[in-house]
Protein backbone atom coordinates (compact mmCIF):
# COMPACT_ATOMS: atom_id res chain seq x y z
CA MET A 1 -13.45 -7.93 21.24
CA THR A 2 -16.53 -9.00 23.20
CA LEU A 3 -18.58 -12.05 22.25
CA PHE A 4 -21.32 -9.74 20.99
CA GLY A 5 -18.80 -7.87 18.88
CA LYS A 6 -17.50 -11.13 17.39
CA LEU A 7 -21.04 -12.20 16.54
CA ARG A 8 -21.76 -8.87 14.83
CA VAL A 9 -18.71 -9.13 12.58
CA LEU A 10 -19.23 -12.85 11.84
CA PRO A 11 -21.40 -12.32 8.71
CA LEU A 12 -18.72 -10.07 7.18
CA ASN A 13 -15.99 -12.60 7.93
CA LEU A 14 -18.04 -15.42 6.43
CA LEU A 15 -18.66 -13.30 3.34
CA LEU A 16 -14.92 -12.63 3.06
CA LEU A 17 -14.15 -16.35 3.24
CA ILE A 18 -16.75 -17.16 0.58
CA HIS A 19 -15.53 -14.32 -1.64
CA ARG A 20 -11.93 -15.55 -1.53
CA LYS A 21 -13.00 -19.09 -2.40
CA ALA A 22 -15.15 -17.80 -5.26
CA ARG A 23 -12.35 -15.54 -6.53
CA GLY A 24 -9.95 -18.47 -6.56
CA SER A 25 -12.34 -20.44 -8.78
CA GLY A 26 -13.08 -17.50 -11.09
CA LEU A 27 -16.72 -17.16 -10.01
CA THR A 28 -16.29 -13.48 -9.14
CA GLU A 29 -15.89 -12.78 -12.87
CA ILE A 30 -19.62 -13.51 -13.25
CA ALA A 31 -21.67 -10.31 -12.98
CA ALA A 32 -24.55 -11.99 -11.12
CA ILE A 33 -22.15 -13.37 -8.50
CA ARG A 34 -20.62 -9.94 -7.96
CA TRP A 35 -24.09 -8.40 -7.67
CA LEU A 36 -25.09 -10.95 -5.01
CA ARG A 37 -21.80 -10.46 -3.16
CA ASP A 38 -22.29 -6.69 -3.08
CA ARG A 39 -25.86 -7.02 -1.76
CA LEU A 40 -24.69 -9.39 0.98
CA TYR A 41 -21.83 -7.03 1.86
CA ALA A 42 -24.26 -4.10 2.16
CA ALA A 43 -26.50 -6.12 4.50
CA ALA A 44 -23.66 -7.48 6.65
CA SER A 45 -21.90 -4.12 6.94
CA ARG A 46 -24.93 -2.59 8.65
CA LEU A 47 -24.29 -4.85 11.64
CA VAL A 48 -20.80 -3.55 12.46
CA GLY A 49 -18.99 -0.30 13.14
CA ILE A 50 -15.46 0.63 12.12
CA ILE A 51 -13.27 -2.33 11.14
CA ARG A 52 -9.49 -2.70 11.01
CA VAL A 53 -8.06 -4.41 7.90
CA LYS A 54 -4.57 -5.12 6.62
CA ALA A 55 -3.74 -3.95 3.09
CA ASP A 56 -0.39 -5.35 1.95
CA GLY A 57 0.82 -5.34 5.54
CA ARG A 58 -0.50 -1.87 6.48
CA TRP A 59 -3.34 -1.36 8.94
CA LEU A 60 -6.30 0.67 7.66
CA TYR A 61 -9.46 1.63 9.52
CA LEU A 62 -12.56 1.36 7.34
CA ASP A 63 -16.22 2.26 7.53
CA PRO A 64 -17.83 -0.91 6.12
CA SER A 65 -20.87 1.05 4.94
CA ASP A 66 -18.57 2.60 2.30
CA ARG A 67 -19.22 0.81 -1.00
CA GLY A 68 -16.09 2.31 -2.58
CA VAL A 69 -12.60 1.94 -1.16
CA ALA A 70 -13.63 0.13 2.03
CA ARG A 71 -15.47 -2.67 0.27
CA GLY A 72 -12.63 -3.23 -2.19
CA VAL A 73 -9.93 -3.27 0.48
CA PHE A 74 -11.95 -5.51 2.80
CA LEU A 75 -12.73 -8.08 0.12
CA ASN A 76 -9.48 -8.01 -1.85
CA GLY A 77 -6.88 -6.51 0.48
CA ARG A 78 -6.09 -3.89 -2.14
CA HIS A 79 -7.68 -0.86 -3.83
CA GLU A 80 -7.07 -0.06 -7.51
CA PRO A 81 -4.56 -2.85 -8.26
CA THR A 82 -3.15 -1.13 -11.37
CA GLY A 83 -2.86 2.23 -9.63
CA THR A 84 -1.22 0.56 -6.64
CA VAL A 85 1.48 -1.07 -8.78
CA LEU A 86 2.10 2.20 -10.64
CA PHE A 87 2.27 4.23 -7.42
CA THR A 88 4.72 1.72 -5.96
CA SER A 89 6.97 2.07 -9.02
CA LEU A 90 6.95 5.89 -8.79
CA VAL A 91 7.62 6.41 -5.08
CA ARG A 92 11.24 5.94 -4.05
CA SER A 93 13.04 5.94 -0.73
CA GLY A 94 13.69 9.52 0.35
CA ALA A 95 10.92 11.00 -1.82
CA THR A 96 8.44 13.71 -0.87
CA VAL A 97 4.88 12.61 -1.61
CA VAL A 98 1.65 14.64 -1.41
CA ASP A 99 -1.70 12.84 -1.18
CA VAL A 100 -4.57 15.19 -2.02
CA GLY A 101 -7.87 13.58 -1.08
CA ALA A 102 -6.29 10.98 1.19
CA HIS A 103 -9.61 9.46 2.36
CA VAL A 104 -8.75 6.79 4.97
CA GLY A 105 -5.09 6.56 3.96
CA TYR A 106 -4.72 3.76 1.42
CA TYR A 107 -2.13 5.64 -0.65
CA THR A 108 -0.86 7.68 2.32
CA THR A 109 0.19 4.57 4.24
CA LEU A 110 1.65 2.98 1.11
CA ALA A 111 3.74 6.11 0.51
CA ALA A 112 4.82 6.17 4.16
CA GLU A 113 6.26 2.69 3.72
CA LEU A 114 7.93 3.40 0.39
CA VAL A 115 9.68 6.69 1.27
CA GLN A 116 11.42 5.30 4.36
CA PRO A 117 13.81 5.98 5.96
CA ASN A 118 14.31 9.64 5.02
CA GLY A 119 11.31 10.65 2.91
CA ARG A 120 8.08 12.33 3.96
CA VAL A 121 4.40 12.27 3.14
CA ILE A 122 1.93 15.17 3.29
CA ALA A 123 -1.73 14.17 3.22
CA LEU A 124 -4.91 16.24 2.98
CA GLU A 125 -8.41 14.99 3.80
CA PRO A 126 -11.33 17.35 4.57
CA VAL A 127 -14.10 15.02 5.80
CA PRO A 128 -13.91 14.71 9.61
CA LYS A 129 -14.88 11.01 9.80
CA ASN A 130 -12.41 10.05 7.08
CA PHE A 131 -9.70 12.16 8.70
CA ALA A 132 -10.23 10.42 12.05
CA LEU A 133 -9.78 7.00 10.40
CA LEU A 134 -6.74 8.27 8.47
CA GLN A 135 -5.18 9.60 11.65
CA LYS A 136 -5.86 6.37 13.54
CA GLY A 137 -4.25 4.33 10.77
CA ILE A 138 -1.12 6.48 10.78
CA GLU A 139 -0.86 6.16 14.57
CA THR A 140 -1.45 2.39 14.58
CA ASN A 141 1.20 1.80 11.93
CA GLY A 142 3.62 3.98 13.88
CA TYR A 143 4.54 6.27 10.99
CA ARG A 144 6.59 9.31 11.99
CA ASN A 145 7.14 10.57 8.44
CA VAL A 146 3.55 11.66 7.68
CA LYS A 147 2.04 15.10 8.20
CA LEU A 148 -1.77 15.28 8.09
CA PHE A 149 -4.00 18.25 7.29
CA GLN A 150 -7.78 18.22 7.75
CA CYS A 151 -8.62 20.38 4.74
CA ALA A 152 -9.29 20.37 1.01
CA ALA A 153 -6.96 21.82 -1.63
CA ALA A 154 -8.36 24.55 -3.88
CA ASP A 155 -7.39 27.71 -5.74
CA ARG A 156 -8.14 29.87 -2.69
CA ALA A 157 -7.82 29.50 1.05
CA GLY A 158 -10.90 29.79 3.23
CA GLU A 159 -13.99 27.66 3.73
CA MET A 160 -16.28 25.92 1.26
CA GLU A 161 -19.19 23.50 1.36
CA LEU A 162 -18.55 19.85 0.53
CA MET A 163 -21.43 17.67 -0.68
CA LEU A 164 -21.37 14.17 0.82
CA ILE A 165 -22.37 11.13 -1.27
CA PRO A 166 -24.34 8.41 0.56
CA GLY A 167 -22.64 5.02 0.45
CA ASN A 168 -19.32 6.37 -0.82
CA THR A 169 -17.30 8.12 1.86
CA GLY A 170 -14.53 9.03 -0.59
CA ALA A 171 -16.76 10.86 -3.08
CA GLY A 172 -17.40 14.22 -1.38
CA MET A 173 -17.65 17.02 -3.93
CA LEU A 174 -16.81 20.72 -3.87
CA PHE A 175 -18.35 23.22 -6.31
CA ARG A 176 -21.63 21.34 -6.70
CA PRO A 177 -24.80 23.47 -6.78
CA ARG A 178 -27.00 22.81 -3.79
CA GLN A 179 -29.38 19.88 -4.30
CA GLU A 180 -32.49 19.11 -2.30
CA GLY A 181 -32.00 16.24 0.12
CA ARG A 182 -28.20 16.27 -0.03
CA ARG A 183 -25.99 16.71 3.01
CA TYR A 184 -23.30 19.41 3.02
CA ILE A 185 -20.55 20.13 5.51
CA PRO A 186 -18.22 23.14 5.77
CA VAL A 187 -14.56 22.32 5.10
CA LYS A 188 -11.38 24.36 5.30
CA THR A 189 -9.56 24.94 2.01
CA VAL A 190 -5.86 25.64 1.44
CA VAL A 191 -3.73 26.56 -1.56
CA LEU A 192 -1.04 23.91 -2.05
CA ASP A 193 1.57 26.46 -3.17
CA GLU A 194 1.16 28.11 0.23
CA LEU A 195 1.04 24.86 2.21
CA LEU A 196 4.14 23.52 0.44
CA SER A 197 6.08 26.79 0.27
CA ASP A 198 8.89 25.41 2.45
CA VAL A 199 9.17 22.12 0.50
CA PRO A 200 12.10 22.40 -1.95
CA GLU A 201 10.78 19.75 -4.34
CA VAL A 202 7.87 17.33 -4.54
CA ASN A 203 8.39 14.00 -6.27
CA VAL A 204 4.94 12.38 -6.42
CA ILE A 205 1.44 13.84 -6.05
CA LYS A 206 -1.77 11.81 -5.99
CA ILE A 207 -4.94 13.85 -6.59
CA ASP A 208 -8.41 12.34 -6.23
CA VAL A 209 -10.88 15.08 -5.40
CA GLU A 210 -14.02 14.19 -7.35
CA GLY A 211 -13.93 16.83 -10.06
CA ALA A 212 -12.10 19.61 -8.17
CA GLU A 213 -8.74 18.76 -9.76
CA MET A 214 -8.60 21.90 -11.90
CA SER A 215 -8.98 24.10 -8.82
CA VAL A 216 -6.18 22.14 -7.13
CA PHE A 217 -3.87 22.71 -10.12
CA ASP A 218 -4.64 26.44 -10.11
CA GLY A 219 -3.06 26.51 -6.65
CA LEU A 220 -0.14 24.25 -7.56
CA GLU A 221 1.70 26.27 -10.22
CA LYS A 222 4.75 27.25 -8.15
CA THR A 223 5.20 23.77 -6.74
CA ILE A 224 5.15 22.29 -10.24
CA ASP A 225 7.68 24.86 -11.45
CA ARG A 226 10.27 23.98 -8.81
CA SER A 227 9.75 20.19 -8.96
CA ASP A 228 11.72 19.10 -12.02
CA ARG A 229 11.18 15.36 -11.65
CA LEU A 230 7.51 15.20 -10.74
CA SER A 231 4.90 12.48 -11.24
CA ILE A 232 1.20 13.24 -10.75
CA MET A 233 -1.46 10.52 -10.54
CA MET A 234 -4.91 12.05 -10.92
CA GLU A 235 -8.54 11.33 -11.65
CA PHE A 236 -9.64 13.06 -14.86
CA SER A 237 -13.31 14.03 -15.16
CA SER A 238 -13.75 16.09 -18.32
CA GLY A 239 -17.53 16.39 -17.98
CA LEU A 240 -17.30 17.81 -14.47
CA TYR A 241 -14.48 20.17 -15.46
CA ARG A 242 -16.54 21.53 -18.32
CA SER A 243 -19.55 22.04 -16.04
CA TYR A 244 -17.31 24.09 -13.73
CA GLY A 245 -16.15 26.30 -16.59
CA TYR A 246 -12.80 24.64 -17.29
CA ASP A 247 -11.55 23.45 -20.69
CA PRO A 248 -10.17 19.92 -20.14
CA ASP A 249 -8.23 19.85 -23.42
CA ALA A 250 -6.59 23.20 -22.63
CA PHE A 251 -5.50 21.72 -19.30
CA LEU A 252 -3.83 18.76 -21.03
CA ALA A 253 -2.16 21.10 -23.52
CA ARG A 254 -0.86 23.21 -20.63
CA MET A 255 0.63 20.13 -18.95
CA ILE A 256 2.39 19.13 -22.17
CA GLU A 257 3.83 22.65 -22.45
CA ARG A 258 5.23 22.12 -18.97
CA ARG A 259 7.12 19.04 -20.20
CA PHE A 260 4.80 16.39 -18.82
CA SER A 261 4.22 13.19 -20.75
CA ILE A 262 0.61 12.07 -20.31
CA TYR A 263 -0.55 8.48 -19.91
CA GLU A 264 -3.95 6.96 -19.29
CA ILE A 265 -3.92 4.41 -16.49
CA ASP A 266 -5.80 1.42 -17.87
CA GLY A 267 -7.27 -0.26 -14.80
CA ALA A 268 -8.97 -3.02 -16.80
CA GLY A 269 -6.01 -3.79 -19.05
CA GLY A 270 -3.41 -3.34 -16.33
CA GLY A 271 -1.12 -0.92 -18.13
CA LEU A 272 -0.30 2.61 -19.28
CA ARG A 273 -1.35 4.11 -22.61
CA PRO A 274 0.43 7.20 -23.96
CA VAL A 275 -2.04 10.01 -24.66
CA GLY A 276 -1.55 11.58 -28.10
CA MET A 277 -3.62 14.19 -29.94
CA GLU A 278 -6.33 11.72 -30.97
CA ASP A 279 -6.48 10.33 -27.44
CA ARG A 280 -6.82 13.84 -26.03
CA ALA A 281 -9.84 14.46 -28.22
CA TYR A 282 -11.35 11.17 -27.08
CA LEU A 283 -10.71 11.81 -23.38
CA THR A 284 -12.11 15.33 -23.48
CA ARG A 285 -15.13 14.75 -25.75
CA GLU A 286 -18.67 15.42 -24.56
CA GLY A 287 -19.85 12.45 -22.51
CA ALA A 288 -16.37 11.02 -21.96
CA PRO A 289 -16.24 8.77 -18.88
CA ASN A 290 -13.99 9.54 -15.95
CA THR A 291 -10.53 8.01 -16.15
CA ASN A 292 -7.18 8.15 -14.36
CA LEU A 293 -4.08 9.82 -15.76
CA LEU A 294 -0.38 9.91 -15.02
CA LEU A 295 1.44 13.17 -15.72
CA TYR A 296 5.11 12.19 -15.84
CA ARG A 297 8.19 14.37 -15.84
CA GLY A 298 10.71 11.80 -14.63
CA LEU A 299 13.86 10.34 -16.13
CA ASP A 300 13.38 6.63 -15.51
CA PRO A 301 11.54 4.45 -18.05
CA LEU A 302 7.98 3.70 -16.99
CA PRO A 303 6.60 0.17 -16.60
CA MET A 304 3.95 0.05 -19.33
CA GLU A 305 2.55 -3.26 -18.07
CA LEU A 306 1.21 -2.99 -14.53
CA GLY A 307 0.05 -6.45 -13.54
CA GLU A 308 -0.36 -7.09 -9.82
CA LYS A 309 2.86 -7.72 -7.88
């Protein structure tokens, strides 16, 4: 790196050092401190381009202007601590893993490590800039067990428009009505049942597609049917599903009929909560916040407490 390059990244590195000191003393639990940190991060990130960061030993390439995954990984070395621990417990050596909405590869690279030596990872990411960073990360880490597809998963193959969200490179949205002032890009769409037709069984699927999950599942029926021991980690956005004409409670009922046990992934509490009838009503009520779910059809007991490892 040139001297000028080192000077440009210096404010971010100083912020990282201060953040780690503050986190060690508990100061980052104070809302005002976090607010100030985030403002400083936003200012410092405008000075640099793409950065390379290690997350639990894996290289990731990040756009520092991203206030979602990139900021979390840069500051803490990890994204979604509870989800990371759960994902690590689900993915075994030799498994087949599908990452739908791979972004820059946080879960893709983690899966690539965990499935070695004989497993494989299939990752889909439609946004060109994200895909380029994902691809670079896979190449830098030297993974030979990952297959990448620059596309989105949906209930039909073809092309759709994806709405980009400023400041959050992982939050592109399909199916949104056109809004004035928003930026849209055309993306290729595939049906997962067609893409995975030659895969005998899938073991773990991670789906994070900003409200398009129901469309993904409509194209995943055959894969689910032939994958007896399947775990699915997914974002669950009942309000968005309803606005797209889907019934979120009917979806959960359909998953239960297909022998899945359903758990809410409690990011704040660091654990799993079984979802019963009352919980279903709560999760699918009008105005319910987005959450993360695990659909589990495995044999092994699940770790209900998911503290960081």
